[in-house]
């Protein structure tokens, strides 16, 4: 998968925002969590599918296998790599 990652916050009711509108099919990073590659758990969210639009950005997450590599390019142009250690 290759997707833009947009900064998300909290909705007025305190729930985590999710990608909507034109960005529905892209991922979002919760800005209240550490940035990917920083110390601590980064929170990246996205939709799997919808009845209206079908498969979305995380539809194929179920295909990940142990030792698969996930690379995130940060806003400063550097990349961080993560390795799947369990599914």
Protein backbone atom coordinates (compact mmCIF):
# COMPACT_ATOMS: atom_id res chain seq x y z
CA UNK A 1 0.00 0.00 0.00
CA UNK A 2 1.10 3.53 -0.60
CA UNK A 3 -0.88 6.31 1.06
CA UNK A 4 -0.58 9.80 2.41
CA UNK A 5 -0.84 10.05 6.19
CA UNK A 6 -2.73 13.06 7.54
CA UNK A 7 -2.61 14.41 11.08
CA UNK A 8 -5.80 13.75 13.03
CA UNK A 9 -7.03 14.96 16.40
CA UNK A 10 -10.06 14.35 18.54
CA UNK A 11 -13.67 14.98 17.57
CA UNK A 12 -15.81 17.28 19.77
CA UNK A 13 -17.15 14.22 21.62
CA UNK A 14 -13.60 13.10 22.48
CA UNK A 15 -13.50 10.23 19.98
CA UNK A 16 -10.52 9.82 17.67
CA UNK A 17 -11.07 11.53 14.32
CA UNK A 18 -11.00 9.29 11.26
CA UNK A 19 -10.19 10.09 7.62
CA UNK A 20 -13.30 11.45 5.88
CA UNK A 21 -14.39 13.06 2.64
CA UNK A 22 -11.72 13.13 -0.07
CA UNK A 23 -9.27 11.62 2.43
CA UNK A 24 -11.53 8.66 3.30
CA UNK A 25 -9.21 6.25 1.46
CA UNK A 26 -6.01 7.54 3.11
CA UNK A 27 -4.47 6.91 6.51
CA UNK A 28 -4.32 9.29 9.45
CA UNK A 29 -1.89 9.71 12.33
CA UNK A 30 -3.29 10.76 15.70
CA UNK A 31 -1.26 13.86 16.54
CA UNK A 32 -1.72 13.20 20.27
CA UNK A 33 0.52 10.14 19.95
CA UNK A 34 4.26 10.01 19.27
CA UNK A 35 5.26 10.50 15.64
CA UNK A 36 6.13 7.25 13.83
CA UNK A 37 9.72 6.38 14.69
CA UNK A 38 9.71 8.33 17.97
CA UNK A 39 9.76 6.62 21.34
CA UNK A 40 6.31 5.26 22.18
CA UNK A 41 3.31 3.93 20.27
CA UNK A 42 2.32 5.94 17.19
CA UNK A 43 -1.37 5.64 16.33
CA UNK A 44 -2.12 5.34 12.60
CA UNK A 45 -5.74 4.74 11.60
CA UNK A 46 -7.63 4.08 8.39
CA UNK A 47 -10.74 2.43 7.05
CA UNK A 48 -10.86 -1.20 5.94
CA UNK A 49 -13.92 -0.91 3.71
CA UNK A 50 -17.40 0.55 3.42
CA UNK A 51 -20.71 -0.65 2.05
CA UNK A 52 -20.79 2.35 -0.30
CA UNK A 53 -17.18 2.59 -1.53
CA UNK A 54 -15.80 -0.94 -1.06
CA UNK A 55 -12.19 -1.68 -0.03
CA UNK A 56 -10.21 1.14 1.55
CA UNK A 57 -6.63 1.86 2.59
CA UNK A 58 -6.28 -0.90 5.21
CA UNK A 59 -8.25 -3.58 3.34
CA UNK A 60 -5.15 -5.74 2.82
CA UNK A 61 -3.76 -5.49 6.36
CA UNK A 62 -4.99 -9.04 6.92
CA UNK A 63 -2.40 -10.18 4.35
CA UNK A 64 0.56 -9.02 6.44
CA UNK A 65 2.92 -11.75 7.57
CA UNK A 66 5.58 -11.95 10.25
CA UNK A 67 8.77 -10.23 9.05
CA UNK A 68 6.95 -8.02 6.51
CA UNK A 69 8.39 -4.50 6.50
CA UNK A 70 6.34 -1.33 6.81
CA UNK A 71 8.06 1.90 5.85
CA UNK A 72 6.74 5.31 6.86
CA UNK A 73 8.16 8.45 5.26
CA UNK A 74 8.00 11.30 7.75
CA UNK A 75 7.25 14.93 6.96
CA UNK A 76 10.98 15.78 7.14
CA UNK A 77 11.70 13.27 4.35
CA UNK A 78 13.32 10.65 6.57
CA UNK A 79 11.94 7.12 6.63
CA UNK A 80 11.37 4.75 9.51
CA UNK A 81 10.94 1.01 9.10
CA UNK A 82 8.85 -1.32 11.20
CA UNK A 83 8.88 -5.12 11.03
CA UNK A 84 5.75 -7.17 11.71
CA UNK A 85 6.53 -9.45 14.65
CA UNK A 86 3.11 -11.08 15.10
CA UNK A 87 -0.23 -11.28 13.37
